[in-house]
Every structure is written in C-alpha cells, then in structure tokens.
Protein backbone atom coordinates (compact mmCIF):
# COMPACT_ATOMS: atom_id res chain seq x y z
CA MET A 1 -26.21 38.90 28.30
CA LEU A 2 -25.67 35.85 30.49
CA ARG A 3 -27.54 33.69 27.98
CA ARG A 4 -25.42 35.05 25.08
CA ASN A 5 -22.17 34.22 26.96
CA TYR A 6 -23.51 30.75 27.78
CA VAL A 7 -24.35 30.12 24.10
CA SER A 8 -20.89 31.38 23.07
CA ILE A 9 -19.19 29.07 25.58
CA VAL A 10 -21.27 26.07 24.49
CA THR A 11 -20.60 26.82 20.82
CA ALA A 12 -16.86 27.22 21.44
CA THR A 13 -16.80 23.95 23.41
CA ILE A 14 -18.56 22.11 20.58
CA LEU A 15 -16.19 23.56 17.96
CA ILE A 16 -13.10 22.68 20.00
CA GLY A 17 -14.43 19.16 20.64
CA THR A 18 -15.20 18.70 16.94
CA ALA A 19 -11.73 19.94 15.96
CA MET A 20 -10.07 17.62 18.49
CA THR A 21 -12.09 14.65 17.21
CA ALA A 22 -11.19 15.50 13.61
CA CYS A 23 -7.50 15.74 14.54
CA ALA A 24 -7.64 12.41 16.35
CA GLN A 25 -9.30 10.81 13.32
CA LYS A 26 -6.70 12.32 10.98
CA GLN A 27 -3.87 11.01 13.17
CA GLU A 28 -5.42 7.54 13.10
CA THR A 29 -5.61 7.46 9.30
CA LYS A 30 -2.23 9.15 8.74
CA GLN A 31 -0.30 6.30 10.33
CA PRO A 32 2.97 5.81 8.40
CA ALA A 33 2.97 2.78 6.10
CA ASP A 34 6.03 1.40 7.90
CA GLN A 35 3.96 1.03 11.09
CA LEU A 36 1.25 -0.87 9.21
CA LEU A 37 3.70 -3.39 7.71
CA GLN A 38 5.69 -6.25 9.18
CA PRO A 39 8.25 -8.59 7.56
CA GLN A 40 7.29 -12.13 6.58
CA THR A 41 10.35 -13.58 8.31
CA GLY A 42 12.70 -16.15 6.88
CA VAL A 43 11.98 -15.56 3.19
CA GLY A 44 14.51 -12.96 1.98
CA THR A 45 17.73 -14.65 3.11
CA ARG A 46 17.79 -17.13 0.20
CA TYR A 47 17.61 -14.20 -2.22
CA GLY A 48 20.20 -12.01 -0.51
CA GLY A 49 17.56 -9.43 0.42
CA ARG A 50 15.03 -8.44 3.01
CA ASP A 51 11.84 -10.29 3.81
CA PRO A 52 8.63 -9.30 1.98
CA LEU A 53 6.35 -6.96 3.94
CA LYS A 54 2.76 -7.81 4.86
CA CYS A 55 0.12 -5.68 6.56
CA LYS A 56 -0.73 -6.37 10.18
CA SER A 57 -4.35 -5.59 9.29
CA THR A 58 -6.15 -4.59 6.10
CA LYS A 59 -9.44 -3.58 7.76
CA GLU A 60 -8.88 0.17 8.23
CA PRO A 61 -10.53 2.48 7.52
CA THR A 62 -13.92 0.94 8.11
CA GLN A 63 -15.58 3.90 6.35
CA GLY A 64 -14.38 6.33 3.72
CA ALA A 65 -11.19 6.37 1.68
CA PRO A 66 -7.88 4.94 2.79
CA SER A 67 -5.18 7.54 3.42
CA ALA A 68 -2.24 7.68 1.03
CA GLU A 69 -0.11 5.89 3.65
CA GLN A 70 -2.69 3.13 4.08
CA ALA A 71 -3.00 2.71 0.31
CA ARG A 72 0.80 2.59 0.08
CA ALA A 73 0.97 -0.12 2.75
CA TYR A 74 -1.83 -2.15 1.11
CA MET A 75 -0.14 -1.86 -2.29
CA ILE A 76 3.24 -3.03 -0.88
CA SER A 77 1.60 -5.88 1.04
CA GLY A 78 -0.32 -7.07 -2.02
CA PHE A 79 2.72 -6.87 -4.32
CA GLU A 80 5.54 -8.32 -2.22
CA HIS A 81 5.58 -12.11 -2.20
CA GLU A 82 7.56 -15.23 -2.96
CA LYS A 83 6.50 -17.18 -6.03
CA GLY A 84 7.59 -20.78 -6.56
CA SER A 85 10.17 -22.55 -4.45
CA GLY A 86 13.68 -23.95 -4.47
CA THR A 87 15.89 -22.95 -7.38
CA LEU A 88 12.79 -21.89 -9.34
CA GLY A 89 11.69 -19.42 -6.67
CA GLU A 90 11.27 -15.69 -7.25
CA LEU A 91 10.89 -12.96 -4.64
CA TYR A 92 9.11 -9.72 -5.54
CA LEU A 93 10.05 -6.64 -3.48
CA THR A 94 9.31 -2.92 -3.85
CA GLU A 95 11.12 0.34 -3.09
CA ASP A 96 10.31 4.04 -3.33
CA VAL A 97 6.54 3.48 -3.39
CA LYS A 98 4.52 6.70 -3.69
CA VAL A 99 0.72 6.70 -3.83
CA GLU A 100 -2.01 9.33 -4.23
CA VAL A 101 -5.65 8.45 -3.58
CA GLY A 102 -8.36 9.98 -5.77
CA LYS A 103 -12.03 10.65 -5.17
CA GLY A 104 -14.19 7.56 -4.74
CA ARG A 105 -16.47 6.34 -7.51
CA PRO A 106 -19.06 3.57 -7.82
CA PHE A 107 -17.93 0.01 -8.49
CA GLU A 108 -17.58 -0.98 -12.16
CA GLN A 109 -17.70 -4.53 -13.51
CA GLU A 110 -13.95 -4.73 -14.27
CA ASP A 111 -12.95 -3.61 -10.73
CA GLY A 112 -11.56 -6.18 -8.33
CA SER A 113 -10.85 -9.82 -8.88
CA GLY A 114 -14.29 -11.16 -8.09
CA ASP A 115 -13.95 -10.39 -4.39
CA ALA A 116 -14.88 -6.67 -4.41
CA ASP A 117 -17.81 -5.43 -2.34
CA ILE A 118 -19.90 -3.89 -5.12
CA HIS A 119 -21.75 -1.69 -2.61
CA GLU A 120 -18.58 0.18 -1.57
CA LEU A 121 -16.82 2.98 -3.45
CA VAL A 122 -13.67 2.22 -5.41
CA TYR A 123 -10.77 4.69 -5.12
CA PRO A 124 -8.45 5.36 -8.06
CA VAL A 125 -4.77 5.54 -7.12
CA ARG A 126 -1.70 6.74 -8.95
CA GLY A 127 1.95 7.00 -8.13
CA SER A 128 5.30 5.41 -8.76
CA TYR A 129 7.47 2.58 -7.49
CA THR A 130 10.41 0.37 -8.29
CA TYR A 131 10.14 -3.37 -7.99
CA TYR A 132 12.69 -6.14 -7.94
CA ARG A 133 12.26 -9.71 -9.16
CA CYS A 134 14.87 -11.59 -7.17
CA TYR A 135 16.27 -15.07 -7.73
CA PRO A 136 17.80 -17.42 -5.14
CA ILE A 137 21.52 -16.86 -4.59
CA SER A 138 23.42 -19.35 -6.77
CA SER A 139 26.30 -19.51 -9.26
CA ALA A 140 23.93 -18.12 -11.90
CA HIS A 141 22.77 -15.30 -9.57
CA PRO A 142 25.54 -14.51 -7.06
CA GLU A 143 25.09 -12.20 -4.06
CA GLY A 144 24.71 -8.62 -5.31
CA GLN A 145 23.53 -9.74 -8.75
CA SER A 146 20.37 -11.63 -7.95
CA SER A 147 17.65 -9.17 -8.93
CA VAL A 148 16.09 -7.59 -12.00
CA LYS A 149 15.04 -3.97 -11.39
CA VAL A 150 11.90 -2.44 -12.96
CA GLU A 151 11.00 1.25 -12.56
CA CYS A 152 7.32 2.22 -12.78
CA PRO A 153 7.16 6.06 -12.83
CA ASN A 154 3.52 6.44 -13.94
CA ALA A 155 1.59 3.70 -12.19
CA GLU A 156 -2.20 3.70 -11.90
CA GLY A 157 -4.67 1.40 -10.22
CA ILE A 158 -7.42 1.14 -7.63
CA CYS A 159 -8.12 0.50 -3.98
CA TYR A 160 -11.28 -1.40 -3.11
CA LYS A 161 -12.87 -3.19 -0.20
CA THR A 162 -13.55 -6.90 -0.40
CA SER A 163 -16.79 -8.51 0.71
CA PHE A 164 -14.89 -9.47 3.91
CA GLY A 165 -14.06 -5.82 4.67
CA ASP A 166 -10.37 -6.01 3.71
CA TRP A 167 -8.70 -3.36 1.56
CA LYS A 168 -6.81 -4.29 -1.60
CA CYS A 169 -4.74 -1.73 -3.52
CA SER A 170 -2.76 -2.32 -6.68
CA MET A 171 -1.00 -0.21 -9.29
CA ALA A 172 0.75 -0.98 -12.56
CA ASP A 173 2.60 1.04 -15.19
CA PHE A 174 1.80 -0.49 -18.57
CA HIS A 175 3.13 2.38 -20.70
CA THR A 176 6.33 3.80 -19.21
CA SER A 177 7.81 1.05 -17.02
CA LYS A 178 11.45 0.35 -17.74
CA THR A 179 13.58 -2.69 -16.93
CA ALA A 180 17.11 -1.61 -16.00
CA ASP A 181 20.04 -3.31 -17.73
CA GLY A 182 21.94 -5.90 -15.71
CA TYR A 183 21.37 -7.44 -12.30
CA PHE A 184 21.19 -5.68 -8.94
CA HIS A 185 21.37 -6.23 -5.19
CA ALA A 186 18.08 -7.36 -3.72
CA PRO A 187 16.61 -4.62 -1.49
CA LYS A 188 17.83 -4.97 2.10
C-alpha cells in the first residue's frame, strides 16, 4: 500500500512537472509578434509613415516549427524595408498580417534563396496581409497621399531556417492580390 502511494505521488509529480514544462515552452513560443519586432528608427518620417519593423532576433525556435506569431514577425521583418534613396526611394510597410503555419516537410530544390539549411524542415505558411509602397513626401506625393495600397487575401509561402540558424518567412498572393485605386496615408 505504501509503495502504491509512493508510485502514485512520483507519477503525479512527473506529470505535473511535464505539464509545467510544456506550458513554459508554449509561453516562450507564443510571444506576440509585436514583442519580437522593433522599429528601424529614422526611416518612416520622409514617407509620412512609421518606421519599418525588424526582428530583434531570428534564431528562435532552435528546434521545431515557428509559432504563428514568430512566423508573422519574421514575415513582417523580411518584407518591410526601404528601397532606393532620395526622391527615388520607396518604403514597404505591412498591416493586418495573419499567418498560419503548416506541418513541416523536407527541403525541396526551389525552397529558399540559396541560403536554406537543406537538413532542416521547411514549413508552409498561408494567410493574408495588406502592404503599402510609400513614396517620399513631395508635391507629387503630398502627406496623406504618398502610398499605394495592395491587399493580399490569399497569400502562401514558406518559413525555413538558413545555414546560419536564422528563420526566414515570406508569403505572396499571386492570384487574388488587388491594388486599391488612388493613394493612401502611409501606415503610422
């Protein structure tokens, strides 16, 4: 009887410990994308918008699939950037980014841009987002009318790990994306 109670206590302790560890791991990977991102200061002002967001780190998780929030942050960080400079500059920003992460699969030749770790799984992603291509504020593109808006309701792509252990996630909507008529405020 004493041995049975001891085994029950040990088993319960192991189960509780395992559950607590699993919860701690889930909390680590379910970090909101906003906490993973930081602004690249001083860029957005010329365009009448906010600064592009970049990830503080792209190393997590070290094993397994990225969470939807991590994939969202990595997608935003990889997409948002300034291209060109001066009056020929363009700033790419996103809004309303939603991402789902699918089951991992083996690397295929067309995955990645030559920097993928071919020994790691690749994770398909799908979702939606809106992006803005913003131009510097000028007489041709006054404040409040400096951006082209493109909605991507059925985006698909992948997340993969590079040979340096960094995550890259990207999505595109080649079939149903729609450019809105006119010019818009740059996202603030």
